[in-house]
Amino acid sequence: MTDDPENLVLRYLRRLDAKIDSLAETQRDHGGRLTRIEVALAGLRRDQASDAETLAYSSARSDRLSTRVDRIERRLDLADQPEPGASE
């Protein structure tokens, strides 16, 4: 009879060991998935920064073109002249 409780304890320990192994595998899987999410998020942040840089460059270029067009219109007397007495 002394073997029976010992076998019972061993059986429970083996079950616990199997469950812990399963949990460890699940945790490794989740760790890998989390790493992939972090990499994807970093990529999105890089894309966002690149888009902001492109927008700033385009805005500066548009401002320079607008200034040049204004200057050309003034030189060719194409710019609208304000009406006398009109306030802007």
PDB file of N, CA and C in Angstrom:
ATOM      1  N   MET A   1       0.810  -1.207   0.000  1.00  0.00           N
ATOM      2  CA  MET A   1       0.000   0.000   0.000  1.00  0.00           C
ATOM      3  C   MET A   1       0.846   1.260   0.000  1.00  0.00           C
ATOM      4  N   THR A   2       2.038   1.174   0.413  1.00  0.00           N
ATOM      5  CA  THR A   2       2.888   2.358   0.403  1.00  0.00           C
ATOM      6  C   THR A   2       3.244   2.779  -1.007  1.00  0.00           C
ATOM      7  N   ASP A   3       3.182   1.858  -1.977  1.00  0.00           N
ATOM      8  CA  ASP A   3       3.478   2.208  -3.375  1.00  0.00           C
ATOM      9  C   ASP A   3       2.336   3.013  -4.003  1.00  0.00           C
ATOM     10  N   ASP A   4       1.124   2.770  -3.591  1.00  0.00           N
ATOM     11  CA  ASP A   4      -0.021   3.441  -4.204  1.00  0.00           C
ATOM     12  C   ASP A   4       0.001   4.960  -4.003  1.00  0.00           C
ATOM     13  N   PRO A   5       0.192   5.472  -2.787  1.00  0.00           N
ATOM     14  CA  PRO A   5       0.255   6.931  -2.639  1.00  0.00           C
ATOM     15  C   PRO A   5       1.448   7.523  -3.384  1.00  0.00           C
ATOM     16  N   GLU A   6       2.529   6.797  -3.418  1.00  0.00           N
ATOM     17  CA  GLU A   6       3.697   7.289  -4.138  1.00  0.00           C
ATOM     18  C   GLU A   6       3.422   7.385  -5.629  1.00  0.00           C
ATOM     19  N   ASN A   7       2.763   6.377  -6.171  1.00  0.00           N
ATOM     20  CA  ASN A   7       2.406   6.391  -7.594  1.00  0.00           C
ATOM     21  C   ASN A   7       1.412   7.513  -7.891  1.00  0.00           C
ATOM     22  N   LEU A   8       0.508   7.725  -6.986  1.00  0.00           N
ATOM     23  CA  LEU A   8      -0.480   8.786  -7.160  1.00  0.00           C
ATOM     24  C   LEU A   8       0.203  10.150  -7.200  1.00  0.00           C
ATOM     25  N   VAL A   9       1.151  10.377  -6.313  1.00  0.00           N
ATOM     26  CA  VAL A   9       1.898  11.639  -6.287  1.00  0.00           C
ATOM     27  C   VAL A   9       2.696  11.792  -7.578  1.00  0.00           C
ATOM     28  N   LEU A  10       3.339  10.731  -8.018  1.00  0.00           N
ATOM     29  CA  LEU A  10       4.099  10.791  -9.273  1.00  0.00           C
ATOM     30  C   LEU A  10       3.192  11.100 -10.455  1.00  0.00           C
ATOM     31  N   ARG A  11       2.010  10.508 -10.456  1.00  0.00           N
ATOM     32  CA  ARG A  11       1.063  10.766 -11.540  1.00  0.00           C
ATOM     33  C   ARG A  11       0.664  12.245 -11.563  1.00  0.00           C
ATOM     34  N   TYR A  12       0.380  12.807 -10.394  1.00  0.00           N
ATOM     35  CA  TYR A  12       0.017  14.227 -10.329  1.00  0.00           C
ATOM     36  C   TYR A  12       1.197  15.124 -10.708  1.00  0.00           C
ATOM     37  N   LEU A  13       2.376  14.756 -10.296  1.00  0.00           N
ATOM     38  CA  LEU A  13       3.558  15.538 -10.665  1.00  0.00           C
ATOM     39  C   LEU A  13       3.795  15.511 -12.179  1.00  0.00           C
ATOM     40  N   ARG A  14       3.570  14.370 -12.799  1.00  0.00           N
ATOM     41  CA  ARG A  14       3.725  14.276 -14.263  1.00  0.00           C
ATOM     42  C   ARG A  14       2.691  15.139 -14.978  1.00  0.00           C
ATOM     43  N   ARG A  15       1.457  15.120 -14.452  1.00  0.00           N
ATOM     44  CA  ARG A  15       0.416  15.970 -15.052  1.00  0.00           C
ATOM     45  C   ARG A  15       0.788  17.449 -14.916  1.00  0.00           C
ATOM     46  N   LEU A  16       1.247  17.827 -13.735  1.00  0.00           N
ATOM     47  CA  LEU A  16       1.675  19.214 -13.519  1.00  0.00           C
ATOM     48  C   LEU A  16       2.827  19.580 -14.454  1.00  0.00           C
ATOM     49  N   ASP A  17       3.763  18.667 -14.600  1.00  0.00           N
ATOM     50  CA  ASP A  17       4.905  18.901 -15.480  1.00  0.00           C
ATOM     51  C   ASP A  17       4.441  19.099 -16.928  1.00  0.00           C
ATOM     52  N   ALA A  18       3.491  18.288 -17.369  1.00  0.00           N
ATOM     53  CA  ALA A  18       2.958  18.415 -18.732  1.00  0.00           C
ATOM     54  C   ALA A  18       2.240  19.754 -18.908  1.00  0.00           C
ATOM     55  N   LYS A  19       1.472  20.165 -17.894  1.00  0.00           N
ATOM     56  CA  LYS A  19       0.765  21.445 -17.981  1.00  0.00           C
ATOM     57  C   LYS A  19       1.748  22.611 -18.001  1.00  0.00           C
ATOM     58  N   ILE A  20       2.782  22.535 -17.202  1.00  0.00           N
ATOM     59  CA  ILE A  20       3.787  23.601 -17.173  1.00  0.00           C
ATOM     60  C   ILE A  20       4.515  23.674 -18.508  1.00  0.00           C
ATOM     61  N   ASP A  21       4.822  22.517 -19.094  1.00  0.00           N
ATOM     62  CA  ASP A  21       5.454  22.507 -20.421  1.00  0.00           C
ATOM     63  C   ASP A  21       4.551  23.156 -21.460  1.00  0.00           C
ATOM     64  N   SER A  22       3.257  22.867 -21.369  1.00  0.00           N
ATOM     65  CA  SER A  22       2.293  23.465 -22.305  1.00  0.00           C
ATOM     66  C   SER A  22       2.229  24.982 -22.125  1.00  0.00           C
ATOM     67  N   LEU A  23       2.215  25.427 -20.874  1.00  0.00           N
ATOM     68  CA  LEU A  23       2.192  26.869 -20.600  1.00  0.00           C
ATOM     69  C   LEU A  23       3.467  27.556 -21.093  1.00  0.00           C
ATOM     70  N   ALA A  24       4.601  26.903 -20.898  1.00  0.00           N
ATOM     71  CA  ALA A  24       5.870  27.476 -21.351  1.00  0.00           C
ATOM     72  C   ALA A  24       5.889  27.608 -22.871  1.00  0.00           C
ATOM     73  N   GLU A  25       5.360  26.606 -23.565  1.00  0.00           N
ATOM     74  CA  GLU A  25       5.304  26.669 -25.028  1.00  0.00           C
ATOM     75  C   GLU A  25       4.377  27.797 -25.492  1.00  0.00           C
ATOM     76  N   THR A  26       3.241  27.929 -24.822  1.00  0.00           N
ATOM     77  CA  THR A  26       2.305  29.012 -25.148  1.00  0.00           C
ATOM     78  C   THR A  26       2.960  30.367 -24.911  1.00  0.00           C
ATOM     79  N   GLN A  27       3.689  30.492 -23.811  1.00  0.00           N
ATOM     80  CA  GLN A  27       4.361  31.757 -23.505  1.00  0.00           C
ATOM     81  C   GLN A  27       5.426  32.076 -24.560  1.00  0.00           C
ATOM     82  N   ARG A  28       6.179  31.087 -25.000  1.00  0.00           N
ATOM     83  CA  ARG A  28       7.172  31.321 -26.061  1.00  0.00           C
ATOM     84  C   ARG A  28       6.487  31.781 -27.340  1.00  0.00           C
ATOM     85  N   ASP A  29       5.362  31.143 -27.657  1.00  0.00           N
ATOM     86  CA  ASP A  29       4.608  31.531 -28.853  1.00  0.00           C
ATOM     87  C   ASP A  29       4.137  32.979 -28.743  1.00  0.00           C
ATOM     88  N   HIS A  30       3.602  33.338 -27.580  1.00  0.00           N
ATOM     89  CA  HIS A  30       3.135  34.715 -27.379  1.00  0.00           C
ATOM     90  C   HIS A  30       4.292  35.706 -27.436  1.00  0.00           C
ATOM     91  N   GLY A  31       5.446  35.313 -26.903  1.00  0.00           N
ATOM     92  CA  GLY A  31       6.618  36.186 -26.973  1.00  0.00           C
ATOM     93  C   GLY A  31       7.029  36.451 -28.415  1.00  0.00           C
ATOM     94  N   GLY A  32       7.004  35.412 -29.237  1.00  0.00           N
ATOM     95  CA  GLY A  32       7.334  35.580 -30.655  1.00  0.00           C
ATOM     96  C   GLY A  32       6.334  36.473 -31.370  1.00  0.00           C
ATOM     97  N   ARG A  33       5.057  36.279 -31.049  1.00  0.00           N
ATOM     98  CA  ARG A  33       4.020  37.104 -31.676  1.00  0.00           C
ATOM     99  C   ARG A  33       4.158  38.559 -31.255  1.00  0.00           C
ATOM    100  N   LEU A  34       4.457  38.786 -29.986  1.00  0.00           N
ATOM    101  CA  LEU A  34       4.644  40.148 -29.482  1.00  0.00           C
ATOM    102  C   LEU A  34       5.829  40.819 -30.172  1.00  0.00           C
ATOM    103  N   THR A  35       6.891  40.074 -30.379  1.00  0.00           N
ATOM    104  CA  THR A  35       8.051  40.626 -31.081  1.00  0.00           C
ATOM    105  C   THR A  35       7.679  41.040 -32.497  1.00  0.00           C
ATOM    106  N   ARG A  36       6.899  40.211 -33.189  1.00  0.00           N
ATOM    107  CA  ARG A  36       6.470  40.561 -34.556  1.00  0.00           C
ATOM    108  C   ARG A  36       5.587  41.808 -34.560  1.00  0.00           C
ATOM    109  N   ILE A  37       4.744  41.950 -33.538  1.00  0.00           N
ATOM    110  CA  ILE A  37       3.898  43.152 -33.436  1.00  0.00           C
ATOM    111  C   ILE A  37       4.762  44.385 -33.217  1.00  0.00           C
ATOM    112  N   GLU A  38       5.764  44.271 -32.357  1.00  0.00           N
ATOM    113  CA  GLU A  38       6.657  45.401 -32.100  1.00  0.00           C
ATOM    114  C   GLU A  38       7.412  45.805 -33.361  1.00  0.00           C
ATOM    115  N   VAL A  39       7.874  44.825 -34.132  1.00  0.00           N
ATOM    116  CA  VAL A  39       8.585  45.124 -35.379  1.00  0.00           C
ATOM    117  C   VAL A  39       7.649  45.821 -36.366  1.00  0.00           C
ATOM    118  N   ALA A  40       6.426  45.332 -36.465  1.00  0.00           N
ATOM    119  CA  ALA A  40       5.458  45.952 -37.375  1.00  0.00           C
ATOM    120  C   ALA A  40       5.143  47.384 -36.944  1.00  0.00           C
ATOM    121  N   LEU A  41       5.005  47.609 -35.650  1.00  0.00           N
ATOM    122  CA  LEU A  41       4.727  48.950 -35.134  1.00  0.00           C
ATOM    123  C   LEU A  41       5.886  49.902 -35.430  1.00  0.00           C
ATOM    124  N   ALA A  42       7.109  49.413 -35.275  1.00  0.00           N
ATOM    125  CA  ALA A  42       8.271  50.244 -35.593  1.00  0.00           C
ATOM    126  C   ALA A  42       8.270  50.598 -37.072  1.00  0.00           C
ATOM    127  N   GLY A  43       7.888  49.659 -37.925  1.00  0.00           N
ATOM    128  CA  GLY A  43       7.797  49.936 -39.357  1.00  0.00           C
ATOM    129  C   GLY A  43       6.751  50.999 -39.663  1.00  0.00           C
ATOM    130  N   LEU A  44       5.616  50.926 -38.974  1.00  0.00           N
ATOM    131  CA  LEU A  44       4.571  51.941 -39.171  1.00  0.00           C
ATOM    132  C   LEU A  44       5.055  53.317 -38.745  1.00  0.00           C
ATOM    133  N   ARG A  45       5.803  53.359 -37.642  1.00  0.00           N
ATOM    134  CA  ARG A  45       6.330  54.652 -37.183  1.00  0.00           C
ATOM    135  C   ARG A  45       7.333  55.218 -38.187  1.00  0.00           C
ATOM    136  N   ARG A  46       8.162  54.347 -38.774  1.00  0.00           N
ATOM    137  CA  ARG A  46       9.102  54.813 -39.800  1.00  0.00           C
ATOM    138  C   ARG A  46       8.343  55.360 -41.004  1.00  0.00           C
ATOM    139  N   ASP A  47       7.289  54.639 -41.421  1.00  0.00           N
ATOM    140  CA  ASP A  47       6.490  55.099 -42.556  1.00  0.00           C
ATOM    141  C   ASP A  47       5.839  56.446 -42.258  1.00  0.00           C
ATOM    142  N   GLN A  48       5.331  56.600 -41.042  1.00  0.00           N
ATOM    143  CA  GLN A  48       4.681  57.856 -40.651  1.00  0.00           C
ATOM    144  C   GLN A  48       5.684  59.007 -40.664  1.00  0.00           C
ATOM    145  N   ALA A  49       6.884  58.764 -40.168  1.00  0.00           N
ATOM    146  CA  ALA A  49       7.910  59.812 -40.167  1.00  0.00           C
ATOM    147  C   ALA A  49       8.294  60.175 -41.596  1.00  0.00           C
ATOM    148  N   SER A  50       8.390  59.182 -42.451  1.00  0.00           N
ATOM    149  CA  SER A  50       8.723  59.436 -43.855  1.00  0.00           C
ATOM    150  C   SER A  50       7.625  60.257 -44.529  1.00  0.00           C
ATOM    151  N   ASP A  51       6.369  59.923 -44.236  1.00  0.00           N
ATOM    152  CA  ASP A  51       5.247  60.683 -44.806  1.00  0.00           C
ATOM    153  C   ASP A  51       5.262  62.131 -44.327  1.00  0.00           C
ATOM    154  N   ALA A  52       5.572  62.349 -43.055  1.00  0.00           N
ATOM    155  CA  ALA A  52       5.633  63.715 -42.514  1.00  0.00           C
ATOM    156  C   ALA A  52       6.759  64.493 -43.179  1.00  0.00           C
ATOM    157  N   GLU A  53       7.888  63.837 -43.416  1.00  0.00           N
ATOM    158  CA  GLU A  53       9.014  64.494 -44.083  1.00  0.00           C
ATOM    159  C   GLU A  53       8.634  64.883 -45.514  1.00  0.00           C
ATOM    160  N   THR A  54       7.967  63.970 -46.209  1.00  0.00           N
ATOM    161  CA  THR A  54       7.546  64.245 -47.581  1.00  0.00           C
ATOM    162  C   THR A  54       6.556  65.405 -47.625  1.00  0.00           C
ATOM    163  N   LEU A  55       5.630  65.429 -46.682  1.00  0.00           N
ATOM    164  CA  LEU A  55       4.646  66.512 -46.621  1.00  0.00           C
ATOM    165  C   LEU A  55       5.326  67.850 -46.363  1.00  0.00           C
ATOM    166  N   ALA A  56       6.286  67.882 -45.452  1.00  0.00           N
ATOM    167  CA  ALA A  56       6.995  69.131 -45.150  1.00  0.00           C
ATOM    168  C   ALA A  56       7.774  69.606 -46.374  1.00  0.00           C
ATOM    169  N   TYR A  57       8.417  68.692 -47.078  1.00  0.00           N
ATOM    170  CA  TYR A  57       9.172  69.046 -48.281  1.00  0.00           C
ATOM    171  C   TYR A  57       8.236  69.597 -49.354  1.00  0.00           C
ATOM    172  N   SER A  58       7.087  68.946 -49.545  1.00  0.00           N
ATOM    173  CA  SER A  58       6.122  69.400 -50.552  1.00  0.00           C
ATOM    174  C   SER A  58       5.562  70.773 -50.205  1.00  0.00           C
ATOM    175  N   SER A  59       5.297  70.993 -48.920  1.00  0.00           N
ATOM    176  CA  SER A  59       4.772  72.281 -48.477  1.00  0.00           C
ATOM    177  C   SER A  59       5.789  73.393 -48.729  1.00  0.00           C
ATOM    178  N   ALA A  60       7.048  73.143 -48.419  1.00  0.00           N
ATOM    179  CA  ALA A  60       8.090  74.149 -48.652  1.00  0.00           C
ATOM    180  C   ALA A  60       8.228  74.434 -50.144  1.00  0.00           C
ATOM    181  N   ARG A  61       8.158  73.399 -50.940  1.00  0.00           N
ATOM    182  CA  ARG A  61       8.269  73.572 -52.397  1.00  0.00           C
ATOM    183  C   ARG A  61       7.078  74.380 -52.923  1.00  0.00           C
ATOM    184  N   SER A  62       5.898  74.088 -52.421  1.00  0.00           N
ATOM    185  CA  SER A  62       4.700  74.827 -52.831  1.00  0.00           C
ATOM    186  C   SER A  62       4.815  76.306 -52.439  1.00  0.00           C
ATOM    187  N   ASP A  63       5.335  76.581 -51.255  1.00  0.00           N
ATOM    188  CA  ASP A  63       5.516  77.965 -50.813  1.00  0.00           C
ATOM    189  C   ASP A  63       6.484  78.709 -51.738  1.00  0.00           C
ATOM    190  N   ARG A  64       7.577  78.032 -52.113  1.00  0.00           N
ATOM    191  CA  ARG A  64       8.544  78.671 -53.011  1.00  0.00           C
ATOM    192  C   ARG A  64       7.930  78.943 -54.379  1.00  0.00           C
ATOM    193  N   LEU A  65       7.139  78.004 -54.884  1.00  0.00           N
ATOM    194  CA  LEU A  65       6.489  78.205 -56.184  1.00  0.00           C
ATOM    195  C   LEU A  65       5.480  79.348 -56.121  1.00  0.00           C
ATOM    196  N   SER A  66       4.748  79.436 -55.026  1.00  0.00           N
ATOM    197  CA  SER A  66       3.773  80.510 -54.863  1.00  0.00           C
ATOM    198  C   SER A  66       4.471  81.871 -54.847  1.00  0.00           C
ATOM    199  N   THR A  67       5.588  81.947 -54.169  1.00  0.00           N
ATOM    200  CA  THR A  67       6.362  83.191 -54.122  1.00  0.00           C
ATOM    201  C   THR A  67       6.850  83.561 -55.524  1.00  0.00           C
ATOM    202  N   ARG A  68       7.329  82.588 -56.260  1.00  0.00           N
ATOM    203  CA  ARG A  68       7.819  82.856 -57.622  1.00  0.00           C
ATOM    204  C   ARG A  68       6.694  83.319 -58.542  1.00  0.00           C
ATOM    205  N   VAL A  69       5.521  82.678 -58.439  1.00  0.00           N
ATOM    206  CA  VAL A  69       4.377  83.079 -59.276  1.00  0.00           C
ATOM    207  C   VAL A  69       3.950  84.501 -58.923  1.00  0.00           C
ATOM    208  N   ASP A  70       3.908  84.834 -57.656  1.00  0.00           N
ATOM    209  CA  ASP A  70       3.562  86.201 -57.243  1.00  0.00           C
ATOM    210  C   ASP A  70       4.539  87.212 -57.842  1.00  0.00           C
ATOM    211  N   ARG A  71       5.831  86.898 -57.777  1.00  0.00           N
ATOM    212  CA  ARG A  71       6.851  87.795 -58.312  1.00  0.00           C
ATOM    213  C   ARG A  71       6.693  87.952 -59.831  1.00  0.00           C
ATOM    214  N   ILE A  72       6.418  86.850 -60.527  1.00  0.00           N
ATOM    215  CA  ILE A  72       6.229  86.914 -61.984  1.00  0.00           C
ATOM    216  C   ILE A  72       5.008  87.756 -62.319  1.00  0.00           C
ATOM    217  N   GLU A  73       3.912  87.571 -61.585  1.00  0.00           N
ATOM    218  CA  GLU A  73       2.699  88.353 -61.844  1.00  0.00           C
ATOM    219  C   GLU A  73       2.948  89.842 -61.619  1.00  0.00           C
ATOM    220  N   ARG A  74       3.705  90.187 -60.576  1.00  0.00           N
ATOM    221  CA  ARG A  74       4.004  91.604 -60.334  1.00  0.00           C
ATOM    222  C   ARG A  74       4.863  92.172 -61.463  1.00  0.00           C
ATOM    223  N   ARG A  75       5.863  91.406 -61.907  1.00  0.00           N
ATOM    224  CA  ARG A  75       6.752  91.912 -62.966  1.00  0.00           C
ATOM    225  C   ARG A  75       6.015  92.101 -64.287  1.00  0.00           C
ATOM    226  N   LEU A  76       5.024  91.254 -64.551  1.00  0.00           N
ATOM    227  CA  LEU A  76       4.270  91.361 -65.807  1.00  0.00           C
ATOM    228  C   LEU A  76       3.000  92.179 -65.648  1.00  0.00           C
ATOM    229  N   ASP A  77       2.826  92.783 -64.487  1.00  0.00           N
ATOM    230  CA  ASP A  77       1.624  93.562 -64.176  1.00  0.00           C
ATOM    231  C   ASP A  77       0.349  92.747 -64.388  1.00  0.00           C
ATOM    232  N   LEU A  78       0.397  91.490 -63.992  1.00  0.00           N
ATOM    233  CA  LEU A  78      -0.774  90.624 -64.082  1.00  0.00           C
ATOM    234  C   LEU A  78      -1.518  90.526 -62.759  1.00  0.00           C
ATOM    235  N   ALA A  79      -0.911  90.981 -61.709  1.00  0.00           N
ATOM    236  CA  ALA A  79      -1.524  90.883 -60.385  1.00  0.00           C
ATOM    237  C   ALA A  79      -2.699  91.838 -60.306  1.00  0.00           C
ATOM    238  N   ASP A  80      -3.759  91.401 -59.644  1.00  0.00           N
ATOM    239  CA  ASP A  80      -4.926  92.259 -59.464  1.00  0.00           C
ATOM    240  C   ASP A  80      -4.547  93.428 -58.569  1.00  0.00           C
ATOM    241  N   GLN A  81      -4.953  94.606 -58.979  1.00  0.00           N
ATOM    242  CA  GLN A  81      -4.686  95.801 -58.197  1.00  0.00           C
ATOM    243  C   GLN A  81      -5.858  95.997 -57.236  1.00  0.00           C
ATOM    244  N   PRO A  82      -5.562  96.333 -55.985  1.00  0.00           N
ATOM    245  CA  PRO A  82      -6.667  96.554 -55.042  1.00  0.00           C
ATOM    246  C   PRO A  82      -7.469  97.777 -55.453  1.00  0.00           C
ATOM    247  N   GLU A  83      -8.795  97.722 -55.233  1.00  0.00           N
ATOM    248  CA  GLU A  83      -9.676  98.836 -55.553  1.00  0.00           C
ATOM    249  C   GLU A  83      -9.433  99.965 -54.558  1.00  0.00           C
ATOM    250  N   PRO A  84      -9.485 101.190 -55.012  1.00  0.00           N
ATOM    251  CA  PRO A  84      -9.324 102.285 -54.076  1.00  0.00           C
ATOM    252  C   PRO A  84     -10.444 102.277 -53.030  1.00  0.00           C
ATOM    253  N   GLY A  85     -10.074 102.439 -51.786  1.00  0.00           N
ATOM    254  CA  GLY A  85     -11.050 102.484 -50.702  1.00  0.00           C
ATOM    255  C   GLY A  85     -11.496 101.106 -50.219  1.00  0.00           C
ATOM    256  N   ALA A  86     -11.064 100.039 -50.893  1.00  0.00           N
ATOM    257  CA  ALA A  86     -11.439  98.697 -50.463  1.00  0.00           C
ATOM    258  C   ALA A  86     -10.471  98.222 -49.386  1.00  0.00           C
ATOM    259  N   SER A  87     -10.998  97.642 -48.346  1.00  0.00           N
ATOM    260  CA  SER A  87     -10.104  97.120 -47.286  1.00  0.00           C
ATOM    261  C   SER A  87     -10.039  95.622 -47.405  1.00  0.00           C
ATOM    262  N   GLU A  88      -8.851  95.092 -47.154  1.00  0.00           N
ATOM    263  CA  GLU A  88      -8.652  93.647 -47.277  1.00  0.00           C
ATOM    264  C   GLU A  88      -8.540  93.015 -45.944  1.00  0.00           C
TER     265      GLU A  88
END
